[in-house]
Amino acid sequence: MALSLFAYRKGNSVLHKIPSIAKLSFLFVLCIFTYSGGMSISWDELFSWKIVIKISGYFFASLTLFFLSGAKWNSIRQLKFVFVIGGFVTLVKLIYIPFWLDKDSLAYGILYTVRFFITSLAAQVIFETTSPLQIQNALEVIQEGISKIIPPVKKWNPALTISLAINFIPEIFETWNKVELAVKARTQKNSKWKTEILIQKFSTFFSCLLYNAETKRMAF
């Protein structure tokens, strides 16, 4: 059975052996640099050497992580949602009243999608090679350092909250896959896009998520 998106995968790759705090710190820095420079950009600027070299460098960094993680190509195929969201964001930026298409808005959407893909790929392979316990321990080390400067941070315990949120991400995709399979098994192929089926699918999905979230909350 295929792993859910961002779920931990056991292994002995180079990336598995790197300390979790180093991996999370690198991901944090990569995200900051990838999204630096703002989102407003013209169509001509999108293809300038400055933008192309910067984005290519960040993409190469994510791709290097991918190969170091020993991940299969299926990990990249799992990121299809990036292009769905990117396409939606682009469409929203493109459409105005009166309806007309703007090349600068298209440039915004393309840059957003590329940046989103780069950071999502990096996050995917890092979370695949870092167990939930390692993530929590790394965040606690960071929290301990910050609490020496800002003492109340230790009492708030954001490390636990953030680690729970990160570890809940795979459950979202796993729950969606289960609901999707259940719908396919119980409905005809041509009827899965009917309004009542879609409403039932999403209501079941959110009910399962709320149940899982409440179960985790009670456990802690």
N, C-alpha and C. Protein backbone atom coordinates (compact mmCIF):
# COMPACT_ATOMS: atom_id res chain seq x y z
N MET A 1 0.85 -1.20 0.00
CA MET A 1 0.00 0.00 0.00
C MET A 1 0.88 1.25 0.00
N ALA A 2 0.56 2.21 -0.83
CA ALA A 2 1.36 3.43 -0.95
C ALA A 2 1.26 4.27 0.32
N LEU A 3 2.35 4.92 0.67
CA LEU A 3 2.35 5.79 1.83
C LEU A 3 1.57 7.05 1.54
N SER A 4 0.95 7.60 2.59
CA SER A 4 0.25 8.87 2.44
C SER A 4 1.28 9.98 2.29
N LEU A 5 0.82 11.08 1.74
CA LEU A 5 1.69 12.23 1.54
C LEU A 5 2.24 12.71 2.88
N PHE A 6 3.55 12.97 2.94
CA PHE A 6 4.25 13.46 4.13
C PHE A 6 4.35 12.42 5.25
N ALA A 7 4.00 11.17 4.97
CA ALA A 7 4.10 10.12 5.99
C ALA A 7 5.53 9.61 6.08
N TYR A 8 5.93 9.21 7.28
CA TYR A 8 7.30 8.72 7.50
C TYR A 8 7.51 7.38 6.80
N ARG A 9 8.67 7.25 6.17
CA ARG A 9 9.05 6.02 5.47
C ARG A 9 10.38 5.53 6.04
N LYS A 10 10.38 4.32 6.58
CA LYS A 10 11.61 3.77 7.14
C LYS A 10 12.64 3.54 6.04
N GLY A 11 13.90 3.73 6.37
CA GLY A 11 14.94 3.54 5.38
C GLY A 11 16.32 3.79 5.96
N ASN A 12 17.31 3.68 5.11
CA ASN A 12 18.70 3.86 5.54
C ASN A 12 19.45 4.78 4.58
N SER A 13 18.72 5.73 4.01
CA SER A 13 19.32 6.65 3.04
C SER A 13 20.19 7.69 3.73
N VAL A 14 20.89 8.47 2.93
CA VAL A 14 21.73 9.55 3.47
C VAL A 14 20.89 10.54 4.25
N LEU A 15 19.71 10.87 3.71
CA LEU A 15 18.85 11.85 4.37
C LEU A 15 18.27 11.31 5.68
N HIS A 16 18.04 10.01 5.75
CA HIS A 16 17.57 9.40 6.99
C HIS A 16 18.59 9.61 8.12
N LYS A 17 19.87 9.60 7.76
CA LYS A 17 20.94 9.65 8.76
C LYS A 17 21.27 11.07 9.22
N ILE A 18 20.82 12.07 8.49
CA ILE A 18 21.10 13.46 8.87
C ILE A 18 20.24 13.83 10.08
N PRO A 19 20.79 14.52 11.08
CA PRO A 19 20.01 14.91 12.27
C PRO A 19 18.75 15.68 11.90
N SER A 20 17.67 15.38 12.60
CA SER A 20 16.37 15.98 12.28
C SER A 20 16.38 17.50 12.40
N ILE A 21 17.10 18.03 13.38
CA ILE A 21 17.13 19.48 13.55
C ILE A 21 17.80 20.16 12.36
N ALA A 22 18.80 19.50 11.77
CA ALA A 22 19.47 20.05 10.58
C ALA A 22 18.51 20.05 9.39
N LYS A 23 17.74 18.98 9.24
CA LYS A 23 16.80 18.88 8.12
C LYS A 23 15.68 19.91 8.23
N LEU A 24 15.11 20.04 9.43
CA LEU A 24 14.03 21.01 9.62
C LEU A 24 14.53 22.44 9.46
N SER A 25 15.74 22.70 9.94
CA SER A 25 16.32 24.05 9.79
C SER A 25 16.55 24.36 8.31
N PHE A 26 17.04 23.37 7.56
CA PHE A 26 17.26 23.57 6.13
C PHE A 26 15.94 23.83 5.41
N LEU A 27 14.90 23.08 5.77
CA LEU A 27 13.59 23.28 5.15
C LEU A 27 13.06 24.68 5.44
N PHE A 28 13.24 25.14 6.67
CA PHE A 28 12.79 26.47 7.06
C PHE A 28 13.50 27.55 6.25
N VAL A 29 14.82 27.42 6.14
CA VAL A 29 15.62 28.39 5.38
C VAL A 29 15.27 28.34 3.89
N LEU A 30 15.10 27.13 3.35
CA LEU A 30 14.75 26.99 1.93
C LEU A 30 13.42 27.66 1.62
N CYS A 31 12.44 27.50 2.50
CA CYS A 31 11.13 28.12 2.29
C CYS A 31 11.24 29.64 2.30
N ILE A 32 12.02 30.17 3.23
CA ILE A 32 12.19 31.63 3.31
C ILE A 32 12.82 32.17 2.03
N PHE A 33 13.91 31.54 1.58
CA PHE A 33 14.60 32.01 0.39
C PHE A 33 13.77 31.81 -0.87
N THR A 34 13.04 30.70 -0.94
CA THR A 34 12.23 30.42 -2.14
C THR A 34 11.15 31.47 -2.33
N TYR A 35 10.54 31.90 -1.23
CA TYR A 35 9.45 32.88 -1.32
C TYR A 35 9.93 34.32 -1.14
N SER A 36 11.23 34.51 -1.01
CA SER A 36 11.75 35.87 -0.86
C SER A 36 11.62 36.64 -2.17
N GLY A 37 11.54 37.94 -2.06
CA GLY A 37 11.44 38.76 -3.27
C GLY A 37 10.03 39.13 -3.65
N GLY A 38 9.05 38.68 -2.86
CA GLY A 38 7.66 39.03 -3.14
C GLY A 38 7.06 38.22 -4.27
N MET A 39 5.74 38.38 -4.45
CA MET A 39 5.02 37.62 -5.47
C MET A 39 4.68 38.46 -6.70
N SER A 40 4.61 39.77 -6.53
CA SER A 40 4.26 40.63 -7.66
C SER A 40 5.41 40.65 -8.66
N ILE A 41 5.12 40.24 -9.88
CA ILE A 41 6.16 40.13 -10.90
C ILE A 41 5.52 40.30 -12.27
N SER A 42 6.23 40.93 -13.19
CA SER A 42 5.71 41.10 -14.55
C SER A 42 6.05 39.87 -15.38
N TRP A 43 5.39 39.75 -16.53
CA TRP A 43 5.63 38.62 -17.42
C TRP A 43 7.08 38.58 -17.90
N ASP A 44 7.64 39.76 -18.20
CA ASP A 44 9.03 39.83 -18.68
C ASP A 44 10.02 39.48 -17.57
N GLU A 45 9.73 39.92 -16.34
CA GLU A 45 10.62 39.63 -15.21
C GLU A 45 10.66 38.14 -14.90
N LEU A 46 9.56 37.43 -15.16
CA LEU A 46 9.48 36.00 -14.86
C LEU A 46 10.58 35.22 -15.56
N PHE A 47 10.95 35.65 -16.76
CA PHE A 47 11.95 34.94 -17.56
C PHE A 47 13.32 35.62 -17.54
N SER A 48 13.50 36.55 -16.60
CA SER A 48 14.80 37.21 -16.47
C SER A 48 15.81 36.24 -15.87
N TRP A 49 17.09 36.49 -16.15
CA TRP A 49 18.14 35.61 -15.64
C TRP A 49 18.13 35.54 -14.13
N LYS A 50 17.84 36.65 -13.47
CA LYS A 50 17.84 36.70 -12.01
C LYS A 50 16.84 35.71 -11.41
N ILE A 51 15.62 35.74 -11.93
CA ILE A 51 14.56 34.85 -11.43
C ILE A 51 14.85 33.40 -11.81
N VAL A 52 15.24 33.18 -13.06
CA VAL A 52 15.49 31.81 -13.55
C VAL A 52 16.61 31.14 -12.75
N ILE A 53 17.71 31.86 -12.51
CA ILE A 53 18.85 31.29 -11.77
C ILE A 53 18.46 30.99 -10.32
N LYS A 54 17.75 31.94 -9.68
CA LYS A 54 17.33 31.74 -8.29
C LYS A 54 16.43 30.53 -8.15
N ILE A 55 15.38 30.47 -8.98
CA ILE A 55 14.42 29.37 -8.89
C ILE A 55 15.08 28.04 -9.25
N SER A 56 15.96 28.06 -10.23
CA SER A 56 16.67 26.83 -10.62
C SER A 56 17.53 26.32 -9.47
N GLY A 57 18.17 27.24 -8.75
CA GLY A 57 18.99 26.86 -7.61
C GLY A 57 18.18 26.21 -6.50
N TYR A 58 17.02 26.80 -6.20
CA TYR A 58 16.16 26.25 -5.15
C TYR A 58 15.59 24.90 -5.58
N PHE A 59 15.23 24.78 -6.86
CA PHE A 59 14.72 23.51 -7.37
C PHE A 59 15.80 22.43 -7.29
N PHE A 60 17.02 22.79 -7.63
CA PHE A 60 18.14 21.84 -7.55
C PHE A 60 18.34 21.38 -6.11
N ALA A 61 18.18 22.28 -5.14
CA ALA A 61 18.32 21.92 -3.73
C ALA A 61 17.26 20.90 -3.33
N SER A 62 16.01 21.13 -3.75
CA SER A 62 14.92 20.19 -3.45
C SER A 62 15.15 18.85 -4.13
N LEU A 63 15.61 18.91 -5.38
CA LEU A 63 15.85 17.68 -6.13
C LEU A 63 17.00 16.87 -5.50
N THR A 64 18.00 17.58 -4.98
CA THR A 64 19.11 16.90 -4.30
C THR A 64 18.60 16.16 -3.07
N LEU A 65 17.72 16.81 -2.31
CA LEU A 65 17.11 16.15 -1.15
C LEU A 65 16.35 14.90 -1.57
N PHE A 66 15.65 15.01 -2.71
CA PHE A 66 14.87 13.87 -3.21
C PHE A 66 15.77 12.67 -3.47
N PHE A 67 16.89 12.88 -4.14
CA PHE A 67 17.79 11.77 -4.45
C PHE A 67 18.50 11.25 -3.19
N LEU A 68 18.83 12.15 -2.25
CA LEU A 68 19.47 11.72 -1.01
C LEU A 68 18.53 10.91 -0.12
N SER A 69 17.22 11.11 -0.32
CA SER A 69 16.24 10.41 0.52
C SER A 69 15.96 9.00 0.06
N GLY A 70 16.41 8.67 -1.16
CA GLY A 70 16.13 7.35 -1.71
C GLY A 70 14.67 7.16 -2.04
N ALA A 71 13.95 8.26 -2.25
CA ALA A 71 12.51 8.18 -2.54
C ALA A 71 12.26 7.69 -3.96
N LYS A 72 11.08 7.14 -4.16
CA LYS A 72 10.68 6.69 -5.49
C LYS A 72 9.95 7.83 -6.20
N TRP A 73 9.82 7.69 -7.53
CA TRP A 73 9.18 8.74 -8.32
C TRP A 73 7.73 8.95 -7.91
N ASN A 74 7.14 7.97 -7.23
CA ASN A 74 5.77 8.10 -6.78
C ASN A 74 5.62 9.27 -5.81
N SER A 75 6.70 9.60 -5.11
CA SER A 75 6.67 10.74 -4.18
C SER A 75 6.39 12.04 -4.92
N ILE A 76 6.91 12.16 -6.13
CA ILE A 76 6.66 13.36 -6.94
C ILE A 76 5.24 13.34 -7.48
N ARG A 77 4.77 12.16 -7.90
CA ARG A 77 3.40 12.06 -8.42
C ARG A 77 2.37 12.41 -7.36
N GLN A 78 2.72 12.20 -6.10
CA GLN A 78 1.80 12.53 -5.02
C GLN A 78 1.60 14.03 -4.85
N LEU A 79 2.45 14.82 -5.49
CA LEU A 79 2.36 16.28 -5.36
C LEU A 79 1.46 16.91 -6.42
N LYS A 80 0.56 16.11 -6.99
CA LYS A 80 -0.35 16.64 -8.01
C LYS A 80 -1.22 17.77 -7.47
N PHE A 81 -1.50 17.71 -6.16
CA PHE A 81 -2.35 18.74 -5.56
C PHE A 81 -1.74 20.13 -5.70
N VAL A 82 -0.40 20.20 -5.80
CA VAL A 82 0.29 21.49 -5.95
C VAL A 82 -0.19 22.20 -7.21
N PHE A 83 -0.31 21.45 -8.30
CA PHE A 83 -0.70 22.05 -9.58
C PHE A 83 -2.20 22.37 -9.61
N VAL A 84 -2.99 21.60 -8.86
CA VAL A 84 -4.42 21.91 -8.75
C VAL A 84 -4.60 23.23 -8.02
N ILE A 85 -3.92 23.38 -6.88
CA ILE A 85 -4.01 24.62 -6.11
C ILE A 85 -3.40 25.78 -6.89
N GLY A 86 -2.24 25.53 -7.51
CA GLY A 86 -1.59 26.57 -8.32
C GLY A 86 -2.46 27.02 -9.47
N GLY A 87 -3.12 26.06 -10.13
CA GLY A 87 -4.02 26.40 -11.23
C GLY A 87 -5.20 27.23 -10.76
N PHE A 88 -5.72 26.89 -9.58
CA PHE A 88 -6.85 27.64 -9.03
C PHE A 88 -6.44 29.07 -8.68
N VAL A 89 -5.26 29.21 -8.04
CA VAL A 89 -4.75 30.54 -7.69
C VAL A 89 -4.52 31.37 -8.96
N THR A 90 -3.97 30.75 -9.98
CA THR A 90 -3.72 31.44 -11.26
C THR A 90 -5.03 31.89 -11.88
N LEU A 91 -6.03 31.02 -11.85
CA LEU A 91 -7.33 31.34 -12.44
C LEU A 91 -7.98 32.52 -11.73
N VAL A 92 -7.89 32.52 -10.39
CA VAL A 92 -8.46 33.62 -9.61
C VAL A 92 -7.77 34.94 -9.94
N LYS A 93 -6.43 34.90 -10.11
CA LYS A 93 -5.69 36.12 -10.44
C LYS A 93 -5.94 36.59 -11.87
N LEU A 94 -6.25 35.64 -12.76
CA LEU A 94 -6.42 35.98 -14.18
C LEU A 94 -7.74 36.66 -14.48
N ILE A 95 -8.77 36.27 -13.76
CA ILE A 95 -10.12 36.70 -14.11
C ILE A 95 -10.47 38.01 -13.40
N TYR A 96 -10.86 38.97 -14.20
CA TYR A 96 -11.31 40.26 -13.69
C TYR A 96 -12.69 40.56 -14.25
N ILE A 97 -13.28 41.62 -13.76
CA ILE A 97 -14.54 42.12 -14.32
C ILE A 97 -14.27 43.52 -14.85
N PRO A 98 -14.48 43.79 -16.14
CA PRO A 98 -14.93 42.84 -17.17
C PRO A 98 -13.84 41.78 -17.43
N PHE A 99 -14.28 40.62 -17.93
CA PHE A 99 -13.38 39.49 -18.08
C PHE A 99 -12.30 39.76 -19.12
N TRP A 100 -11.06 39.66 -18.67
CA TRP A 100 -9.94 39.76 -19.59
C TRP A 100 -8.72 39.11 -18.93
N LEU A 101 -7.78 38.72 -19.75
CA LEU A 101 -6.62 38.00 -19.25
C LEU A 101 -5.41 38.92 -19.16
N ASP A 102 -4.69 38.82 -18.05
CA ASP A 102 -3.55 39.68 -17.80
C ASP A 102 -2.29 38.82 -17.70
N LYS A 103 -1.29 39.11 -18.53
CA LYS A 103 -0.06 38.30 -18.54
C LYS A 103 0.70 38.40 -17.22
N ASP A 104 0.67 39.54 -16.56
CA ASP A 104 1.36 39.69 -15.29
C ASP A 104 0.72 38.81 -14.21
N SER A 105 -0.61 38.68 -14.27
CA SER A 105 -1.30 37.79 -13.33
C SER A 105 -0.95 36.33 -13.62
N LEU A 106 -0.78 36.01 -14.89
CA LEU A 106 -0.37 34.66 -15.27
C LEU A 106 1.04 34.38 -14.74
N ALA A 107 1.92 35.39 -14.82
CA ALA A 107 3.28 35.25 -14.29
C ALA A 107 3.24 35.01 -12.79
N TYR A 108 2.34 35.71 -12.10
CA TYR A 108 2.17 35.52 -10.65
C TYR A 108 1.80 34.07 -10.35
N GLY A 109 0.82 33.54 -11.10
CA GLY A 109 0.35 32.18 -10.88
C GLY A 109 1.42 31.14 -11.15
N ILE A 110 2.18 31.34 -12.22
CA ILE A 110 3.25 30.39 -12.57
C ILE A 110 4.33 30.39 -11.50
N LEU A 111 4.75 31.59 -11.07
CA LEU A 111 5.79 31.69 -10.05
C LEU A 111 5.32 31.08 -8.73
N TYR A 112 4.06 31.33 -8.37
CA TYR A 112 3.49 30.76 -7.15
C TYR A 112 3.52 29.23 -7.20
N THR A 113 3.09 28.67 -8.33
CA THR A 113 3.03 27.21 -8.47
C THR A 113 4.41 26.58 -8.41
N VAL A 114 5.38 27.20 -9.08
CA VAL A 114 6.75 26.67 -9.08
C VAL A 114 7.34 26.71 -7.67
N ARG A 115 7.16 27.84 -6.99
CA ARG A 115 7.67 27.95 -5.62
C ARG A 115 6.99 26.94 -4.69
N PHE A 116 5.68 26.79 -4.85
CA PHE A 116 4.92 25.85 -4.03
C PHE A 116 5.41 24.42 -4.26
N PHE A 117 5.71 24.09 -5.52
CA PHE A 117 6.19 22.75 -5.84
C PHE A 117 7.57 22.49 -5.21
N ILE A 118 8.46 23.48 -5.31
CA ILE A 118 9.81 23.33 -4.76
C ILE A 118 9.77 23.07 -3.25
N THR A 119 9.00 23.88 -2.53
CA THR A 119 8.93 23.72 -1.07
C THR A 119 8.16 22.46 -0.67
N SER A 120 7.13 22.10 -1.45
CA SER A 120 6.36 20.89 -1.14
C SER A 120 7.20 19.64 -1.35
N LEU A 121 8.03 19.63 -2.41
CA LEU A 121 8.91 18.49 -2.66
C LEU A 121 9.93 18.34 -1.53
N ALA A 122 10.50 19.46 -1.11
CA ALA A 122 11.47 19.42 -0.01
C ALA A 122 10.81 18.93 1.28
N ALA A 123 9.62 19.44 1.56
CA ALA A 123 8.89 19.02 2.77
C ALA A 123 8.54 17.54 2.70
N GLN A 124 8.12 17.08 1.51
CA GLN A 124 7.74 15.68 1.34
C GLN A 124 8.89 14.74 1.69
N VAL A 125 10.07 14.98 1.12
CA VAL A 125 11.19 14.05 1.35
C VAL A 125 11.77 14.18 2.76
N ILE A 126 11.69 15.38 3.34
CA ILE A 126 12.20 15.55 4.70
C ILE A 126 11.28 14.86 5.71
N PHE A 127 9.97 15.02 5.54
CA PHE A 127 9.04 14.35 6.45
C PHE A 127 9.00 12.84 6.21
N GLU A 128 9.32 12.41 4.99
CA GLU A 128 9.40 10.98 4.70
C GLU A 128 10.57 10.33 5.42
N THR A 129 11.60 11.10 5.69
CA THR A 129 12.83 10.55 6.28
C THR A 129 13.03 10.97 7.74
N THR A 130 12.02 11.60 8.32
CA THR A 130 12.10 12.04 9.72
C THR A 130 10.87 11.56 10.46
N SER A 131 11.06 10.74 11.47
CA SER A 131 9.92 10.17 12.20
C SER A 131 9.23 11.24 13.04
N PRO A 132 7.96 11.02 13.42
CA PRO A 132 7.24 11.98 14.26
C PRO A 132 7.99 12.30 15.56
N LEU A 133 8.60 11.28 16.17
CA LEU A 133 9.34 11.51 17.41
C LEU A 133 10.57 12.38 17.17
N GLN A 134 11.26 12.16 16.04
CA GLN A 134 12.43 12.97 15.71
C GLN A 134 12.03 14.42 15.46
N ILE A 135 10.88 14.62 14.81
CA ILE A 135 10.39 15.98 14.56
C ILE A 135 10.11 16.68 15.89
N GLN A 136 9.42 15.98 16.79
CA GLN A 136 9.10 16.57 18.08
C GLN A 136 10.36 16.89 18.88
N ASN A 137 11.32 15.98 18.88
CA ASN A 137 12.58 16.21 19.61
C ASN A 137 13.34 17.42 19.05
N ALA A 138 13.36 17.54 17.72
CA ALA A 138 14.05 18.67 17.09
C ALA A 138 13.38 19.99 17.45
N LEU A 139 12.05 20.00 17.43
CA LEU A 139 11.31 21.21 17.78
C LEU A 139 11.50 21.57 19.25
N GLU A 140 11.62 20.55 20.10
CA GLU A 140 11.85 20.81 21.52
C GLU A 140 13.24 21.40 21.77
N VAL A 141 14.22 20.98 20.98
CA VAL A 141 15.56 21.56 21.09
C VAL A 141 15.52 23.04 20.71
N ILE A 142 14.81 23.34 19.60
CA ILE A 142 14.66 24.74 19.17
C ILE A 142 13.91 25.54 20.23
N GLN A 143 12.84 24.94 20.76
CA GLN A 143 12.04 25.60 21.80
C GLN A 143 12.88 25.90 23.04
N GLU A 144 13.73 24.95 23.41
CA GLU A 144 14.59 25.12 24.58
C GLU A 144 15.53 26.31 24.39
N GLY A 145 16.07 26.45 23.18
CA GLY A 145 16.96 27.57 22.89
C GLY A 145 16.24 28.91 22.94
N ILE A 146 15.03 28.94 22.38
CA ILE A 146 14.24 30.18 22.38
C ILE A 146 13.80 30.55 23.79
N SER A 147 13.47 29.53 24.60
CA SER A 147 12.97 29.78 25.95
C SER A 147 14.02 30.43 26.86
N LYS A 148 15.30 30.29 26.50
CA LYS A 148 16.36 30.95 27.27
C LYS A 148 16.31 32.46 27.08
N ILE A 149 15.78 32.87 25.92
CA ILE A 149 15.64 34.30 25.62
C ILE A 149 14.25 34.79 26.01
N ILE A 150 13.24 33.94 25.70
CA ILE A 150 11.85 34.27 26.03
C ILE A 150 11.30 33.15 26.92
N PRO A 151 11.45 33.23 28.23
CA PRO A 151 11.07 32.16 29.16
C PRO A 151 9.63 31.62 29.01
N PRO A 152 8.62 32.48 28.76
CA PRO A 152 7.24 31.95 28.67
C PRO A 152 7.04 30.92 27.55
N VAL A 153 7.94 30.88 26.58
CA VAL A 153 7.80 29.95 25.46
C VAL A 153 7.74 28.51 25.95
N LYS A 154 8.54 28.19 26.97
CA LYS A 154 8.58 26.82 27.49
C LYS A 154 7.23 26.43 28.08
N LYS A 155 6.56 27.37 28.72
CA LYS A 155 5.25 27.10 29.31
C LYS A 155 4.19 26.91 28.23
N TRP A 156 4.30 27.67 27.15
CA TRP A 156 3.32 27.55 26.06
C TRP A 156 3.48 26.23 25.30
N ASN A 157 4.71 25.72 25.27
CA ASN A 157 5.03 24.44 24.61
C ASN A 157 4.56 24.40 23.15
N PRO A 158 5.00 25.36 22.32
CA PRO A 158 4.60 25.34 20.91
C PRO A 158 5.18 24.15 20.14
N ALA A 159 6.26 23.55 20.66
CA ALA A 159 6.87 22.40 19.98
C ALA A 159 5.88 21.26 19.85
N LEU A 160 5.11 21.00 20.92
CA LEU A 160 4.13 19.92 20.88
C LEU A 160 3.01 20.24 19.89
N THR A 161 2.54 21.49 19.92
CA THR A 161 1.46 21.89 19.02
C THR A 161 1.87 21.78 17.55
N ILE A 162 3.07 22.28 17.25
CA ILE A 162 3.56 22.24 15.86
C ILE A 162 3.80 20.82 15.40
N SER A 163 4.39 19.99 16.26
CA SER A 163 4.66 18.60 15.87
C SER A 163 3.37 17.83 15.65
N LEU A 164 2.35 18.09 16.47
CA LEU A 164 1.05 17.44 16.27
C LEU A 164 0.43 17.86 14.94
N ALA A 165 0.55 19.17 14.64
CA ALA A 165 0.00 19.68 13.37
C ALA A 165 0.71 19.05 12.18
N ILE A 166 2.04 18.95 12.24
CA ILE A 166 2.81 18.36 11.15
C ILE A 166 2.46 16.88 10.98
N ASN A 167 2.38 16.17 12.10
CA ASN A 167 2.10 14.74 12.05
C ASN A 167 0.66 14.43 11.66
N PHE A 168 -0.21 15.45 11.72
CA PHE A 168 -1.61 15.25 11.33
C PHE A 168 -1.79 15.34 9.82
N ILE A 169 -0.82 15.96 9.13
CA ILE A 169 -0.92 16.14 7.68
C ILE A 169 -1.08 14.81 6.94
N PRO A 170 -0.26 13.77 7.24
CA PRO A 170 -0.46 12.49 6.53
C PRO A 170 -1.84 11.90 6.74
N GLU A 171 -2.43 12.14 7.93
CA GLU A 171 -3.76 11.60 8.21
C GLU A 171 -4.81 12.23 7.32
N ILE A 172 -4.61 13.51 6.97
CA ILE A 172 -5.56 14.18 6.08
C ILE A 172 -5.62 13.47 4.74
N PHE A 173 -4.44 13.21 4.15
CA PHE A 173 -4.40 12.55 2.84
C PHE A 173 -4.81 11.09 2.93
N GLU A 174 -4.44 10.42 4.03
CA GLU A 174 -4.83 9.02 4.21
C GLU A 174 -6.35 8.90 4.34
N THR A 175 -6.95 9.82 5.10
CA THR A 175 -8.41 9.80 5.27
C THR A 175 -9.11 10.06 3.94
N TRP A 176 -8.59 11.03 3.17
CA TRP A 176 -9.18 11.32 1.87
C TRP A 176 -9.11 10.11 0.94
N ASN A 177 -7.98 9.42 0.94
CA ASN A 177 -7.82 8.23 0.09
C ASN A 177 -8.82 7.14 0.48
N LYS A 178 -9.03 6.95 1.78
CA LYS A 178 -9.98 5.94 2.25
C LYS A 178 -11.41 6.29 1.84
N VAL A 179 -11.77 7.55 2.01
CA VAL A 179 -13.12 8.00 1.62
C VAL A 179 -13.31 7.86 0.11
N GLU A 180 -12.28 8.24 -0.65
CA GLU A 180 -12.34 8.15 -2.11
C GLU A 180 -12.52 6.70 -2.56
N LEU A 181 -11.79 5.77 -1.94
CA LEU A 181 -11.92 4.35 -2.28
C LEU A 181 -13.30 3.83 -1.92
N ALA A 182 -13.83 4.26 -0.77
CA ALA A 182 -15.16 3.82 -0.34
C ALA A 182 -16.23 4.31 -1.31
N VAL A 183 -16.09 5.55 -1.77
CA VAL A 183 -17.06 6.10 -2.73
C VAL A 183 -17.00 5.34 -4.05
N LYS A 184 -15.79 5.05 -4.53
CA LYS A 184 -15.64 4.31 -5.78
C LYS A 184 -16.25 2.92 -5.68
N ALA A 185 -16.12 2.30 -4.50
CA ALA A 185 -16.63 0.94 -4.32
C ALA A 185 -18.16 0.89 -4.24
N ARG A 186 -18.77 2.01 -3.86
CA ARG A 186 -20.21 2.02 -3.62
C ARG A 186 -21.03 2.78 -4.65
N THR A 187 -20.37 3.40 -5.60
CA THR A 187 -21.09 4.17 -6.62
C THR A 187 -20.65 3.77 -8.01
N GLN A 188 -21.51 4.04 -8.97
CA GLN A 188 -21.16 3.78 -10.36
C GLN A 188 -20.18 4.85 -10.84
N LYS A 189 -19.40 4.50 -11.85
CA LYS A 189 -18.35 5.39 -12.34
C LYS A 189 -18.90 6.73 -12.78
N ASN A 190 -20.05 6.74 -13.44
CA ASN A 190 -20.59 7.98 -13.99
C ASN A 190 -21.31 8.84 -12.96
N SER A 191 -21.54 8.28 -11.76
CA SER A 191 -22.34 9.01 -10.77
C SER A 191 -21.50 9.66 -9.67
N LYS A 192 -20.18 9.45 -9.70
CA LYS A 192 -19.35 9.94 -8.59
C LYS A 192 -19.23 11.46 -8.56
N TRP A 193 -19.60 12.13 -9.68
CA TRP A 193 -19.53 13.59 -9.73
C TRP A 193 -20.88 14.24 -9.45
N LYS A 194 -21.90 13.45 -9.13
CA LYS A 194 -23.20 14.01 -8.81
C LYS A 194 -23.11 14.81 -7.51
N THR A 195 -23.94 15.85 -7.43
CA THR A 195 -23.87 16.77 -6.29
C THR A 195 -24.05 16.05 -4.96
N GLU A 196 -25.06 15.16 -4.87
CA GLU A 196 -25.31 14.49 -3.60
C GLU A 196 -24.16 13.56 -3.20
N ILE A 197 -23.50 12.96 -4.20
CA ILE A 197 -22.35 12.10 -3.90
C ILE A 197 -21.18 12.93 -3.39
N LEU A 198 -20.94 14.07 -4.04
CA LEU A 198 -19.84 14.95 -3.63
C LEU A 198 -20.07 15.50 -2.22
N ILE A 199 -21.33 15.88 -1.93
CA ILE A 199 -21.66 16.39 -0.59
C ILE A 199 -21.42 15.32 0.46
N GLN A 200 -21.87 14.11 0.15
CA GLN A 200 -21.68 13.00 1.08
C GLN A 200 -20.19 12.68 1.27
N LYS A 201 -19.44 12.75 0.17
CA LYS A 201 -18.00 12.47 0.24
C LYS A 201 -17.28 13.46 1.16
N PHE A 202 -17.54 14.76 0.94
CA PHE A 202 -16.85 15.78 1.73
C PHE A 202 -17.33 15.80 3.18
N SER A 203 -18.62 15.55 3.41
CA SER A 203 -19.12 15.51 4.78
C SER A 203 -18.51 14.35 5.55
N THR A 204 -18.37 13.20 4.89
CA THR A 204 -17.72 12.04 5.52
C THR A 204 -16.26 12.33 5.80
N PHE A 205 -15.60 12.96 4.84
CA PHE A 205 -14.18 13.30 4.98
C PHE A 205 -13.94 14.20 6.19
N PHE A 206 -14.73 15.28 6.30
CA PHE A 206 -14.54 16.22 7.41
C PHE A 206 -14.95 15.60 8.75
N SER A 207 -15.96 14.73 8.73
CA SER A 207 -16.36 14.04 9.96
C SER A 207 -15.24 13.14 10.47
N CYS A 208 -14.60 12.43 9.55
CA CYS A 208 -13.47 11.56 9.92
C CYS A 208 -12.30 12.37 10.45
N LEU A 209 -12.03 13.51 9.81
CA LEU A 209 -10.93 14.36 10.27
C LEU A 209 -11.19 14.89 11.67
N LEU A 210 -12.42 15.34 11.92
CA LEU A 210 -12.77 15.85 13.25
C LEU A 210 -12.65 14.76 14.30
N TYR A 211 -13.07 13.55 13.94
CA TYR A 211 -12.97 12.42 14.87
C TYR A 211 -11.50 12.12 15.19
N ASN A 212 -10.66 12.08 14.15
CA ASN A 212 -9.24 11.80 14.35
C ASN A 212 -8.56 12.90 15.18
N ALA A 213 -8.93 14.15 14.90
CA ALA A 213 -8.35 15.28 15.64
C ALA A 213 -8.76 15.22 17.11
N GLU A 214 -10.02 14.92 17.37
CA GLU A 214 -10.51 14.84 18.75
C GLU A 214 -9.86 13.67 19.49
N THR A 215 -9.67 12.56 18.78
CA THR A 215 -9.01 11.40 19.39
C THR A 215 -7.58 11.74 19.80
N LYS A 216 -6.86 12.45 18.92
CA LYS A 216 -5.48 12.86 19.25
C LYS A 216 -5.47 13.84 20.42
N ARG A 217 -6.44 14.78 20.41
CA ARG A 217 -6.49 15.78 21.49
C ARG A 217 -6.70 15.10 22.84
N MET A 218 -7.62 14.13 22.89
CA MET A 218 -7.91 13.43 24.14
C MET A 218 -6.71 12.58 24.59
N ALA A 219 -5.95 12.08 23.61
CA ALA A 219 -4.78 11.26 23.94
C ALA A 219 -3.71 12.07 24.65
N PHE A 220 -3.66 13.38 24.34
CA PHE A 220 -2.64 14.24 24.94
C PHE A 220 -3.22 15.05 26.10
